[in-house]
Amino acid sequence: MKKTILYLFLSLLAFQNVSIAGGVGDILGAEPVVSPDWDAKIYPNPNEGVFSIMVSGSSAALNVLVFNVIGEKVYELPILGDHGAKIDLSNLEKGLYVVQILDEKRGEVRTLRMQVK
């Protein structure tokens, strides 16, 4: 039941294009979230904590932020768009996580869900 409620909550956040990260697009509404013209994918998803992020359509410096279900930041990594990154978070507990990819200069954020099994 908890997983179902959590999944619905995360789906609603993604559908509403709400950002969890402070600063750009913060939930309190300090700055609006701008939908990016670039795309990002996580694979494999679900995974066992080791996954890749593929960004296409942006060569900007981006920040990858990973949040647990209660909104705590558990990981952060700067990357270059169009290069992507391989990330090892196998030390994380099993469950759902929110991954945000931020282009702070342009005020753009892409929010994705990821499951560690």
PDB file of N, CA and C in Angstrom:
ATOM      1  N   MET A   1       0.818  -1.197   0.000  1.00  0.00           N
ATOM      2  CA  MET A   1       0.000   0.000   0.000  1.00  0.00           C
ATOM      3  C   MET A   1       0.864   1.264   0.000  1.00  0.00           C
ATOM      4  N   LYS A   2       1.924   1.254   0.852  1.00  0.00           N
ATOM      5  CA  LYS A   2       2.806   2.419   0.916  1.00  0.00           C
ATOM      6  C   LYS A   2       3.473   2.680  -0.438  1.00  0.00           C
ATOM      7  N   LYS A   3       3.896   1.596  -1.109  1.00  0.00           N
ATOM      8  CA  LYS A   3       4.545   1.760  -2.410  1.00  0.00           C
ATOM      9  C   LYS A   3       3.584   2.328  -3.442  1.00  0.00           C
ATOM     10  N   THR A   4       2.323   1.902  -3.372  1.00  0.00           N
ATOM     11  CA  THR A   4       1.324   2.410  -4.314  1.00  0.00           C
ATOM     12  C   THR A   4       1.099   3.897  -4.109  1.00  0.00           C
ATOM     13  N   ILE A   5       0.957   4.305  -2.860  1.00  0.00           N
ATOM     14  CA  ILE A   5       0.742   5.725  -2.551  1.00  0.00           C
ATOM     15  C   ILE A   5       1.961   6.536  -2.972  1.00  0.00           C
ATOM     16  N   LEU A   6       3.156   6.023  -2.663  1.00  0.00           N
ATOM     17  CA  LEU A   6       4.383   6.716  -3.029  1.00  0.00           C
ATOM     18  C   LEU A   6       4.509   6.845  -4.544  1.00  0.00           C
ATOM     19  N   TYR A   7       4.217   5.764  -5.260  1.00  0.00           N
ATOM     20  CA  TYR A   7       4.289   5.797  -6.718  1.00  0.00           C
ATOM     21  C   TYR A   7       3.316   6.828  -7.283  1.00  0.00           C
ATOM     22  N   LEU A   8       2.113   6.888  -6.743  1.00  0.00           N
ATOM     23  CA  LEU A   8       1.134   7.876  -7.208  1.00  0.00           C
ATOM     24  C   LEU A   8       1.621   9.291  -6.935  1.00  0.00           C
ATOM     25  N   PHE A   9       2.222   9.501  -5.754  1.00  0.00           N
ATOM     26  CA  PHE A   9       2.738  10.814  -5.402  1.00  0.00           C
ATOM     27  C   PHE A   9       3.855  11.230  -6.351  1.00  0.00           C
ATOM     28  N   LEU A  10       4.801  10.319  -6.612  1.00  0.00           N
ATOM     29  CA  LEU A  10       5.904  10.643  -7.521  1.00  0.00           C
ATOM     30  C   LEU A  10       5.409  10.860  -8.943  1.00  0.00           C
ATOM     31  N   SER A  11       4.412  10.084  -9.347  1.00  0.00           N
ATOM     32  CA  SER A  11       3.835  10.266 -10.681  1.00  0.00           C
ATOM     33  C   SER A  11       3.190  11.635 -10.802  1.00  0.00           C
ATOM     34  N   LEU A  12       2.485  12.039  -9.758  1.00  0.00           N
ATOM     35  CA  LEU A  12       1.839  13.349  -9.758  1.00  0.00           C
ATOM     36  C   LEU A  12       2.884  14.457  -9.858  1.00  0.00           C
ATOM     37  N   LEU A  13       3.997  14.321  -9.100  1.00  0.00           N
ATOM     38  CA  LEU A  13       5.060  15.324  -9.184  1.00  0.00           C
ATOM     39  C   LEU A  13       5.614  15.421 -10.597  1.00  0.00           C
ATOM     40  N   ALA A  14       5.873  14.275 -11.204  1.00  0.00           N
ATOM     41  CA  ALA A  14       6.425  14.288 -12.560  1.00  0.00           C
ATOM     42  C   ALA A  14       5.413  14.854 -13.548  1.00  0.00           C
ATOM     43  N   PHE A  15       4.132  14.494 -13.373  1.00  0.00           N
ATOM     44  CA  PHE A  15       3.089  14.975 -14.272  1.00  0.00           C
ATOM     45  C   PHE A  15       2.923  16.487 -14.157  1.00  0.00           C
ATOM     46  N   GLN A  16       3.029  16.990 -12.938  1.00  0.00           N
ATOM     47  CA  GLN A  16       2.878  18.431 -12.703  1.00  0.00           C
ATOM     48  C   GLN A  16       4.167  19.192 -12.999  1.00  0.00           C
ATOM     49  N   ASN A  17       5.261  18.454 -13.327  1.00  0.00           N
ATOM     50  CA  ASN A  17       6.567  19.053 -13.590  1.00  0.00           C
ATOM     51  C   ASN A  17       7.067  19.846 -12.391  1.00  0.00           C
ATOM     52  N   VAL A  18       6.874  19.275 -11.201  1.00  0.00           N
ATOM     53  CA  VAL A  18       7.323  19.903  -9.963  1.00  0.00           C
ATOM     54  C   VAL A  18       8.722  19.432  -9.661  1.00  0.00           C
ATOM     55  N   SER A  19       9.553  20.325  -9.221  1.00  0.00           N
ATOM     56  CA  SER A  19      10.924  20.004  -8.881  1.00  0.00           C
ATOM     57  C   SER A  19      11.062  19.854  -7.381  1.00  0.00           C
ATOM     58  N   ILE A  20      11.859  18.883  -6.952  1.00  0.00           N
ATOM     59  CA  ILE A  20      12.106  18.696  -5.524  1.00  0.00           C
ATOM     60  C   ILE A  20      13.319  19.496  -5.087  1.00  0.00           C
ATOM     61  N   ALA A  21      14.268  19.715  -5.954  1.00  0.00           N
ATOM     62  CA  ALA A  21      15.509  20.386  -5.587  1.00  0.00           C
ATOM     63  C   ALA A  21      15.251  21.824  -5.173  1.00  0.00           C
ATOM     64  N   GLY A  22      16.001  22.287  -4.170  1.00  0.00           N
ATOM     65  CA  GLY A  22      15.933  23.688  -3.788  1.00  0.00           C
ATOM     66  C   GLY A  22      16.538  24.525  -4.898  1.00  0.00           C
ATOM     67  N   GLY A  23      16.195  25.766  -4.976  1.00  0.00           N
ATOM     68  CA  GLY A  23      16.737  26.618  -6.027  1.00  0.00           C
ATOM     69  C   GLY A  23      15.821  26.612  -7.222  1.00  0.00           C
ATOM     70  N   VAL A  24      16.277  26.034  -8.311  1.00  0.00           N
ATOM     71  CA  VAL A  24      15.529  26.028  -9.563  1.00  0.00           C
ATOM     72  C   VAL A  24      14.236  25.246  -9.380  1.00  0.00           C
ATOM     73  N   GLY A  25      13.099  25.885  -9.584  1.00  0.00           N
ATOM     74  CA  GLY A  25      11.811  25.218  -9.563  1.00  0.00           C
ATOM     75  C   GLY A  25      11.424  24.638  -8.235  1.00  0.00           C
ATOM     76  N   ASP A  26      11.827  25.213  -7.180  1.00  0.00           N
ATOM     77  CA  ASP A  26      11.576  24.692  -5.850  1.00  0.00           C
ATOM     78  C   ASP A  26      10.084  24.617  -5.569  1.00  0.00           C
ATOM     79  N   ILE A  27       9.676  23.630  -4.787  1.00  0.00           N
ATOM     80  CA  ILE A  27       8.262  23.359  -4.535  1.00  0.00           C
ATOM     81  C   ILE A  27       7.549  24.584  -3.978  1.00  0.00           C
ATOM     82  N   LEU A  28       8.258  25.411  -3.241  1.00  0.00           N
ATOM     83  CA  LEU A  28       7.635  26.597  -2.665  1.00  0.00           C
ATOM     84  C   LEU A  28       7.310  27.646  -3.712  1.00  0.00           C
ATOM     85  N   GLY A  29       7.775  27.446  -4.926  1.00  0.00           N
ATOM     86  CA  GLY A  29       7.414  28.337  -6.025  1.00  0.00           C
ATOM     87  C   GLY A  29       8.287  29.560  -6.152  1.00  0.00           C
ATOM     88  N   ALA A  30       9.505  29.524  -5.643  1.00  0.00           N
ATOM     89  CA  ALA A  30      10.378  30.693  -5.727  1.00  0.00           C
ATOM     90  C   ALA A  30      10.693  31.042  -7.180  1.00  0.00           C
ATOM     91  N   GLU A  31      10.905  30.026  -8.001  1.00  0.00           N
ATOM     92  CA  GLU A  31      11.181  30.254  -9.410  1.00  0.00           C
ATOM     93  C   GLU A  31      10.387  29.235 -10.225  1.00  0.00           C
ATOM     94  N   PRO A  32       9.867  29.616 -11.363  1.00  0.00           N
ATOM     95  CA  PRO A  32       9.126  28.650 -12.187  1.00  0.00           C
ATOM     96  C   PRO A  32      10.060  27.622 -12.820  1.00  0.00           C
ATOM     97  N   VAL A  33       9.530  26.446 -13.068  1.00  0.00           N
ATOM     98  CA  VAL A  33      10.279  25.390 -13.743  1.00  0.00           C
ATOM     99  C   VAL A  33      10.062  25.540 -15.241  1.00  0.00           C
ATOM    100  N   VAL A  34      11.148  25.511 -15.996  1.00  0.00           N
ATOM    101  CA  VAL A  34      11.081  25.607 -17.443  1.00  0.00           C
ATOM    102  C   VAL A  34      11.293  24.213 -18.016  1.00  0.00           C
ATOM    103  N   SER A  35      10.385  23.764 -18.871  1.00  0.00           N
ATOM    104  CA  SER A  35      10.538  22.456 -19.506  1.00  0.00           C
ATOM    105  C   SER A  35      11.680  22.523 -20.499  1.00  0.00           C
ATOM    106  N   PRO A  36      12.644  21.626 -20.368  1.00  0.00           N
ATOM    107  CA  PRO A  36      13.809  21.682 -21.252  1.00  0.00           C
ATOM    108  C   PRO A  36      13.501  21.183 -22.656  1.00  0.00           C
ATOM    109  N   ASP A  37      14.308  21.635 -23.612  1.00  0.00           N
ATOM    110  CA  ASP A  37      14.178  21.149 -24.979  1.00  0.00           C
ATOM    111  C   ASP A  37      15.134  19.978 -25.222  1.00  0.00           C
ATOM    112  N   TRP A  38      15.789  19.498 -24.177  1.00  0.00           N
ATOM    113  CA  TRP A  38      16.651  18.329 -24.250  1.00  0.00           C
ATOM    114  C   TRP A  38      15.985  17.176 -23.506  1.00  0.00           C
ATOM    115  N   ASP A  39      16.498  15.972 -23.720  1.00  0.00           N
ATOM    116  CA  ASP A  39      15.883  14.789 -23.127  1.00  0.00           C
ATOM    117  C   ASP A  39      16.910  14.025 -22.298  1.00  0.00           C
ATOM    118  N   ALA A  40      16.427  13.274 -21.322  1.00  0.00           N
ATOM    119  CA  ALA A  40      17.299  12.444 -20.482  1.00  0.00           C
ATOM    120  C   ALA A  40      16.602  11.124 -20.214  1.00  0.00           C
ATOM    121  N   LYS A  41      17.391  10.064 -20.168  1.00  0.00           N
ATOM    122  CA  LYS A  41      16.865   8.729 -19.894  1.00  0.00           C
ATOM    123  C   LYS A  41      17.773   8.027 -18.893  1.00  0.00           C
ATOM    124  N   ILE A  42      17.165   7.144 -18.096  1.00  0.00           N
ATOM    125  CA  ILE A  42      17.891   6.301 -17.157  1.00  0.00           C
ATOM    126  C   ILE A  42      17.753   4.867 -17.647  1.00  0.00           C
ATOM    127  N   TYR A  43      18.849   4.142 -17.703  1.00  0.00           N
ATOM    128  CA  TYR A  43      18.765   2.735 -18.070  1.00  0.00           C
ATOM    129  C   TYR A  43      19.867   1.955 -17.369  1.00  0.00           C
ATOM    130  N   PRO A  44      19.652   0.742 -16.976  1.00  0.00           N
ATOM    131  CA  PRO A  44      18.333   0.105 -16.930  1.00  0.00           C
ATOM    132  C   PRO A  44      17.513   0.691 -15.792  1.00  0.00           C
ATOM    133  N   ASN A  45      16.240   0.574 -15.906  1.00  0.00           N
ATOM    134  CA  ASN A  45      15.335   1.051 -14.870  1.00  0.00           C
ATOM    135  C   ASN A  45      14.127   0.125 -14.846  1.00  0.00           C
ATOM    136  N   PRO A  46      13.918  -0.660 -13.824  1.00  0.00           N
ATOM    137  CA  PRO A  46      14.612  -0.687 -12.536  1.00  0.00           C
ATOM    138  C   PRO A  46      16.018  -1.264 -12.656  1.00  0.00           C
ATOM    139  N   ASN A  47      16.816  -1.025 -11.598  1.00  0.00           N
ATOM    140  CA  ASN A  47      18.203  -1.487 -11.578  1.00  0.00           C
ATOM    141  C   ASN A  47      18.577  -1.903 -10.161  1.00  0.00           C
ATOM    142  N   GLU A  48      19.824  -2.306  -9.992  1.00  0.00           N
ATOM    143  CA  GLU A  48      20.302  -2.719  -8.669  1.00  0.00           C
ATOM    144  C   GLU A  48      21.213  -1.659  -8.069  1.00  0.00           C
ATOM    145  N   GLY A  49      21.046  -0.421  -8.488  1.00  0.00           N
ATOM    146  CA  GLY A  49      21.825   0.692  -7.966  1.00  0.00           C
ATOM    147  C   GLY A  49      22.893   1.180  -8.924  1.00  0.00           C
ATOM    148  N   VAL A  50      23.155   0.422  -9.976  1.00  0.00           N
ATOM    149  CA  VAL A  50      24.123   0.834 -10.996  1.00  0.00           C
ATOM    150  C   VAL A  50      23.336   1.116 -12.268  1.00  0.00           C
ATOM    151  N   PHE A  51      23.454   2.348 -12.769  1.00  0.00           N
ATOM    152  CA  PHE A  51      22.676   2.750 -13.931  1.00  0.00           C
ATOM    153  C   PHE A  51      23.415   3.819 -14.718  1.00  0.00           C
ATOM    154  N   SER A  52      22.940   4.075 -15.903  1.00  0.00           N
ATOM    155  CA  SER A  52      23.501   5.125 -16.753  1.00  0.00           C
ATOM    156  C   SER A  52      22.449   6.181 -17.006  1.00  0.00           C
ATOM    157  N   ILE A  53      22.919   7.402 -17.168  1.00  0.00           N
ATOM    158  CA  ILE A  53      22.055   8.514 -17.560  1.00  0.00           C
ATOM    159  C   ILE A  53      22.513   8.972 -18.925  1.00  0.00           C
ATOM    160  N   MET A  54      21.586   9.063 -19.853  1.00  0.00           N
ATOM    161  CA  MET A  54      21.884   9.505 -21.216  1.00  0.00           C
ATOM    162  C   MET A  54      21.146  10.813 -21.447  1.00  0.00           C
ATOM    163  N   VAL A  55      21.873  11.858 -21.768  1.00  0.00           N
ATOM    164  CA  VAL A  55      21.292  13.166 -22.056  1.00  0.00           C
ATOM    165  C   VAL A  55      21.514  13.447 -23.531  1.00  0.00           C
ATOM    166  N   SER A  56      20.451  13.843 -24.226  1.00  0.00           N
ATOM    167  CA  SER A  56      20.590  14.177 -25.639  1.00  0.00           C
ATOM    168  C   SER A  56      19.981  15.553 -25.902  1.00  0.00           C
ATOM    169  N   GLY A  57      20.622  16.306 -26.749  1.00  0.00           N
ATOM    170  CA  GLY A  57      20.110  17.610 -27.139  1.00  0.00           C
ATOM    171  C   GLY A  57      20.637  18.768 -26.318  1.00  0.00           C
ATOM    172  N   SER A  58      21.617  18.509 -25.433  1.00  0.00           N
ATOM    173  CA  SER A  58      22.196  19.583 -24.629  1.00  0.00           C
ATOM    174  C   SER A  58      23.676  19.312 -24.434  1.00  0.00           C
ATOM    175  N   SER A  59      24.491  20.327 -24.638  1.00  0.00           N
ATOM    176  CA  SER A  59      25.920  20.196 -24.372  1.00  0.00           C
ATOM    177  C   SER A  59      26.313  21.024 -23.152  1.00  0.00           C
ATOM    178  N   ALA A  60      25.320  21.467 -22.400  1.00  0.00           N
ATOM    179  CA  ALA A  60      25.549  22.320 -21.239  1.00  0.00           C
ATOM    180  C   ALA A  60      26.073  21.514 -20.053  1.00  0.00           C
ATOM    181  N   ALA A  61      26.622  22.222 -19.080  1.00  0.00           N
ATOM    182  CA  ALA A  61      26.999  21.609 -17.805  1.00  0.00           C
ATOM    183  C   ALA A  61      25.713  21.394 -17.012  1.00  0.00           C
ATOM    184  N   LEU A  62      25.496  20.169 -16.561  1.00  0.00           N
ATOM    185  CA  LEU A  62      24.277  19.794 -15.853  1.00  0.00           C
ATOM    186  C   LEU A  62      24.631  19.211 -14.490  1.00  0.00           C
ATOM    187  N   ASN A  63      23.683  19.231 -13.588  1.00  0.00           N
ATOM    188  CA  ASN A  63      23.841  18.586 -12.293  1.00  0.00           C
ATOM    189  C   ASN A  63      22.824  17.470 -12.179  1.00  0.00           C
ATOM    190  N   VAL A  64      23.275  16.294 -11.749  1.00  0.00           N
ATOM    191  CA  VAL A  64      22.390  15.167 -11.492  1.00  0.00           C
ATOM    192  C   VAL A  64      22.191  15.101  -9.984  1.00  0.00           C
ATOM    193  N   LEU A  65      20.938  15.124  -9.559  1.00  0.00           N
ATOM    194  CA  LEU A  65      20.590  15.026  -8.140  1.00  0.00           C
ATOM    195  C   LEU A  65      19.684  13.821  -7.953  1.00  0.00           C
ATOM    196  N   VAL A  66      19.948  13.029  -6.910  1.00  0.00           N
ATOM    197  CA  VAL A  66      19.119  11.866  -6.603  1.00  0.00           C
ATOM    198  C   VAL A  66      18.546  12.080  -5.210  1.00  0.00           C
ATOM    199  N   PHE A  67      17.208  11.919  -5.110  1.00  0.00           N
ATOM    200  CA  PHE A  67      16.501  12.113  -3.848  1.00  0.00           C
ATOM    201  C   PHE A  67      15.791  10.832  -3.449  1.00  0.00           C
ATOM    202  N   ASN A  68      15.755  10.563  -2.146  1.00  0.00           N
ATOM    203  CA  ASN A  68      14.953   9.435  -1.680  1.00  0.00           C
ATOM    204  C   ASN A  68      13.496   9.876  -1.590  1.00  0.00           C
ATOM    205  N   VAL A  69      12.622   8.984  -1.138  1.00  0.00           N
ATOM    206  CA  VAL A  69      11.194   9.267  -1.169  1.00  0.00           C
ATOM    207  C   VAL A  69      10.756  10.329  -0.166  1.00  0.00           C
ATOM    208  N   ILE A  70      11.597  10.640   0.811  1.00  0.00           N
ATOM    209  CA  ILE A  70      11.215  11.698   1.752  1.00  0.00           C
ATOM    210  C   ILE A  70      11.892  13.022   1.404  1.00  0.00           C
ATOM    211  N   GLY A  71      12.507  13.073   0.212  1.00  0.00           N
ATOM    212  CA  GLY A  71      13.047  14.330  -0.294  1.00  0.00           C
ATOM    213  C   GLY A  71      14.469  14.640   0.112  1.00  0.00           C
ATOM    214  N   GLU A  72      15.169  13.702   0.733  1.00  0.00           N
ATOM    215  CA  GLU A  72      16.561  13.933   1.108  1.00  0.00           C
ATOM    216  C   GLU A  72      17.463  13.669  -0.090  1.00  0.00           C
ATOM    217  N   LYS A  73      18.407  14.587  -0.320  1.00  0.00           N
ATOM    218  CA  LYS A  73      19.354  14.390  -1.415  1.00  0.00           C
ATOM    219  C   LYS A  73      20.356  13.320  -0.981  1.00  0.00           C
ATOM    220  N   VAL A  74      20.471  12.251  -1.778  1.00  0.00           N
ATOM    221  CA  VAL A  74      21.380  11.162  -1.443  1.00  0.00           C
ATOM    222  C   VAL A  74      22.586  11.107  -2.374  1.00  0.00           C
ATOM    223  N   TYR A  75      22.557  11.909  -3.452  1.00  0.00           N
ATOM    224  CA  TYR A  75      23.667  11.879  -4.403  1.00  0.00           C
ATOM    225  C   TYR A  75      23.609  13.117  -5.281  1.00  0.00           C
ATOM    226  N   GLU A  76      24.791  13.605  -5.669  1.00  0.00           N
ATOM    227  CA  GLU A  76      24.884  14.731  -6.603  1.00  0.00           C
ATOM    228  C   GLU A  76      26.127  14.554  -7.454  1.00  0.00           C
ATOM    229  N   LEU A  77      26.003  14.846  -8.751  1.00  0.00           N
ATOM    230  CA  LEU A  77      27.121  14.694  -9.675  1.00  0.00           C
ATOM    231  C   LEU A  77      26.987  15.706 -10.806  1.00  0.00           C
ATOM    232  N   PRO A  78      28.032  16.503 -11.066  1.00  0.00           N
ATOM    233  CA  PRO A  78      28.012  17.367 -12.258  1.00  0.00           C
ATOM    234  C   PRO A  78      28.399  16.543 -13.487  1.00  0.00           C
ATOM    235  N   ILE A  79      27.686  16.754 -14.591  1.00  0.00           N
ATOM    236  CA  ILE A  79      27.996  16.072 -15.848  1.00  0.00           C
ATOM    237  C   ILE A  79      27.919  17.068 -16.989  1.00  0.00           C
ATOM    238  N   LEU A  80      28.422  16.680 -18.139  1.00  0.00           N
ATOM    239  CA  LEU A  80      28.244  17.459 -19.361  1.00  0.00           C
ATOM    240  C   LEU A  80      27.156  16.798 -20.179  1.00  0.00           C
ATOM    241  N   GLY A  81      26.203  17.602 -20.651  1.00  0.00           N
ATOM    242  CA  GLY A  81      25.153  17.070 -21.506  1.00  0.00           C
ATOM    243  C   GLY A  81      25.749  16.410 -22.734  1.00  0.00           C
ATOM    244  N   ASP A  82      25.019  15.515 -23.352  1.00  0.00           N
ATOM    245  CA  ASP A  82      25.440  14.726 -24.508  1.00  0.00           C
ATOM    246  C   ASP A  82      26.555  13.734 -24.174  1.00  0.00           C
ATOM    247  N   HIS A  83      27.020  13.713 -22.929  1.00  0.00           N
ATOM    248  CA  HIS A  83      28.020  12.731 -22.523  1.00  0.00           C
ATOM    249  C   HIS A  83      27.400  11.676 -21.611  1.00  0.00           C
ATOM    250  N   GLY A  84      26.487  12.111 -20.760  1.00  0.00           N
ATOM    251  CA  GLY A  84      25.863  11.188 -19.829  1.00  0.00           C
ATOM    252  C   GLY A  84      26.835  10.753 -18.756  1.00  0.00           C
ATOM    253  N   ALA A  85      26.434   9.740 -17.982  1.00  0.00           N
ATOM    254  CA  ALA A  85      27.272   9.253 -16.891  1.00  0.00           C
ATOM    255  C   ALA A  85      26.806   7.881 -16.459  1.00  0.00           C
ATOM    256  N   LYS A  86      27.748   7.107 -15.943  1.00  0.00           N
ATOM    257  CA  LYS A  86      27.417   5.840 -15.304  1.00  0.00           C
ATOM    258  C   LYS A  86      27.540   6.078 -13.804  1.00  0.00           C
ATOM    259  N   ILE A  87      26.504   5.701 -13.065  1.00  0.00           N
ATOM    260  CA  ILE A  87      26.438   6.001 -11.640  1.00  0.00           C
ATOM    261  C   ILE A  87      26.266   4.708 -10.856  1.00  0.00           C
ATOM    262  N   ASP A  88      27.036   4.579  -9.771  1.00  0.00           N
ATOM    263  CA  ASP A  88      26.949   3.408  -8.901  1.00  0.00           C
ATOM    264  C   ASP A  88      26.419   3.836  -7.538  1.00  0.00           C
ATOM    265  N   LEU A  89      25.157   3.531  -7.303  1.00  0.00           N
ATOM    266  CA  LEU A  89      24.521   3.803  -6.016  1.00  0.00           C
ATOM    267  C   LEU A  89      24.057   2.494  -5.387  1.00  0.00           C
ATOM    268  N   SER A  90      24.859   1.455  -5.555  1.00  0.00           N
ATOM    269  CA  SER A  90      24.472   0.133  -5.055  1.00  0.00           C
ATOM    270  C   SER A  90      24.399   0.097  -3.532  1.00  0.00           C
ATOM    271  N   ASN A  91      24.912   1.129  -2.872  1.00  0.00           N
ATOM    272  CA  ASN A  91      24.816   1.202  -1.412  1.00  0.00           C
ATOM    273  C   ASN A  91      23.453   1.720  -0.940  1.00  0.00           C
ATOM    274  N   LEU A  92      22.609   2.167  -1.859  1.00  0.00           N
ATOM    275  CA  LEU A  92      21.276   2.670  -1.480  1.00  0.00           C
ATOM    276  C   LEU A  92      20.336   1.521  -1.148  1.00  0.00           C
ATOM    277  N   GLU A  93      19.360   1.828  -0.305  1.00  0.00           N
ATOM    278  CA  GLU A  93      18.324   0.855  -0.001  1.00  0.00           C
ATOM    279  C   GLU A  93      17.435   0.647  -1.214  1.00  0.00           C
ATOM    280  N   LYS A  94      16.796  -0.508  -1.275  1.00  0.00           N
ATOM    281  CA  LYS A  94      15.845  -0.776  -2.351  1.00  0.00           C
ATOM    282  C   LYS A  94      14.673   0.179  -2.225  1.00  0.00           C
ATOM    283  N   GLY A  95      14.136   0.615  -3.368  1.00  0.00           N
ATOM    284  CA  GLY A  95      12.978   1.492  -3.356  1.00  0.00           C
ATOM    285  C   GLY A  95      12.980   2.460  -4.519  1.00  0.00           C
ATOM    286  N   LEU A  96      12.067   3.422  -4.444  1.00  0.00           N
ATOM    287  CA  LEU A  96      11.928   4.436  -5.486  1.00  0.00           C
ATOM    288  C   LEU A  96      12.761   5.666  -5.157  1.00  0.00           C
ATOM    289  N   TYR A  97      13.324   6.261  -6.203  1.00  0.00           N
ATOM    290  CA  TYR A  97      14.113   7.480  -6.066  1.00  0.00           C
ATOM    291  C   TYR A  97      13.706   8.451  -7.165  1.00  0.00           C
ATOM    292  N   VAL A  98      13.912   9.726  -6.907  1.00  0.00           N
ATOM    293  CA  VAL A  98      13.656  10.768  -7.892  1.00  0.00           C
ATOM    294  C   VAL A  98      15.010  11.278  -8.356  1.00  0.00           C
ATOM    295  N   VAL A  99      15.209  11.284  -9.668  1.00  0.00           N
ATOM    296  CA  VAL A  99      16.454  11.778 -10.253  1.00  0.00           C
ATOM    297  C   VAL A  99      16.126  13.062 -11.001  1.00  0.00           C
ATOM    298  N   GLN A 100      16.839  14.122 -10.655  1.00  0.00           N
ATOM    299  CA  GLN A 100      16.640  15.393 -11.354  1.00  0.00           C
ATOM    300  C   GLN A 100      17.927  15.769 -12.072  1.00  0.00           C
ATOM    301  N   ILE A 101      17.772  16.235 -13.289  1.00  0.00           N
ATOM    302  CA  ILE A 101      18.900  16.718 -14.071  1.00  0.00           C
ATOM    303  C   ILE A 101      18.644  18.200 -14.305  1.00  0.00           C
ATOM    304  N   LEU A 102      19.542  19.041 -13.780  1.00  0.00           N
ATOM    305  CA  LEU A 102      19.341  20.487 -13.782  1.00  0.00           C
ATOM    306  C   LEU A 102      20.323  21.196 -14.694  1.00  0.00           C
ATOM    307  N   ASP A 103      19.805  22.127 -15.468  1.00  0.00           N
ATOM    308  CA  ASP A 103      20.631  23.096 -16.180  1.00  0.00           C
ATOM    309  C   ASP A 103      20.337  24.423 -15.488  1.00  0.00           C
ATOM    310  N   GLU A 104      21.157  24.747 -14.498  1.00  0.00           N
ATOM    311  CA  GLU A 104      20.879  25.918 -13.661  1.00  0.00           C
ATOM    312  C   GLU A 104      21.004  27.231 -14.425  1.00  0.00           C
ATOM    313  N   LYS A 105      21.900  27.294 -15.413  1.00  0.00           N
ATOM    314  CA  LYS A 105      22.062  28.537 -16.184  1.00  0.00           C
ATOM    315  C   LYS A 105      20.796  28.891 -16.945  1.00  0.00           C
ATOM    316  N   ARG A 106      20.128  27.878 -17.507  1.00  0.00           N
ATOM    317  CA  ARG A 106      18.919  28.120 -18.296  1.00  0.00           C
ATOM    318  C   ARG A 106      17.651  27.921 -17.477  1.00  0.00           C
ATOM    319  N   GLY A 107      17.787  27.496 -16.229  1.00  0.00           N
ATOM    320  CA  GLY A 107      16.614  27.301 -15.384  1.00  0.00           C
ATOM    321  C   GLY A 107      15.753  26.121 -15.812  1.00  0.00           C
ATOM    322  N   GLU A 108      16.398  25.066 -16.334  1.00  0.00           N
ATOM    323  CA  GLU A 108      15.658  23.910 -16.831  1.00  0.00           C
ATOM    324  C   GLU A 108      15.913  22.700 -15.947  1.00  0.00           C
ATOM    325  N   VAL A 109      14.885  21.875 -15.797  1.00  0.00           N
ATOM    326  CA  VAL A 109      15.014  20.664 -14.991  1.00  0.00           C
ATOM    327  C   VAL A 109      14.222  19.533 -15.634  1.00  0.00           C
ATOM    328  N   ARG A 110      14.797  18.345 -15.609  1.00  0.00           N
ATOM    329  CA  ARG A 110      14.102  17.141 -16.072  1.00  0.00           C
ATOM    330  C   ARG A 110      14.039  16.219 -14.853  1.00  0.00           C
ATOM    331  N   THR A 111      12.838  15.744 -14.521  1.00  0.00           N
ATOM    332  CA  THR A 111      12.616  14.886 -13.360  1.00  0.00           C
ATOM    333  C   THR A 111      12.239  13.488 -13.824  1.00  0.00           C
ATOM    334  N   LEU A 112      12.960  12.488 -13.315  1.00  0.00           N
ATOM    335  CA  LEU A 112      12.728  11.095 -13.685  1.00  0.00           C
ATOM    336  C   LEU A 112      12.589  10.261 -12.411  1.00  0.00           C
ATOM    337  N   ARG A 113      11.873   9.151 -12.519  1.00  0.00           N
ATOM    338  CA  ARG A 113      11.773   8.199 -11.423  1.00  0.00           C
ATOM    339  C   ARG A 113      12.712   7.040 -11.692  1.00  0.00           C
ATOM    340  N   MET A 114      13.261   6.482 -10.609  1.00  0.00           N
ATOM    341  CA  MET A 114      14.133   5.332 -10.744  1.00  0.00           C
ATOM    342  C   MET A 114      13.852   4.368  -9.604  1.00  0.00           C
ATOM    343  N   GLN A 115      13.878   3.077  -9.907  1.00  0.00           N
ATOM    344  CA  GLN A 115      13.652   2.068  -8.878  1.00  0.00           C
ATOM    345  C   GLN A 115      14.900   1.236  -8.695  1.00  0.00           C
ATOM    346  N   VAL A 116      15.359   1.140  -7.434  1.00  0.00           N
ATOM    347  CA  VAL A 116      16.450   0.240  -7.084  1.00  0.00           C
ATOM    348  C   VAL A 116      15.808  -1.006  -6.519  1.00  0.00           C
ATOM    349  N   LYS A 117      16.095  -2.155  -7.164  1.00  0.00           N
ATOM    350  CA  LYS A 117      15.471  -3.402  -6.692  1.00  0.00           C
ATOM    351  C   LYS A 117      16.458  -4.271  -5.963  1.00  0.00           C
TER     352      LYS A 117
END
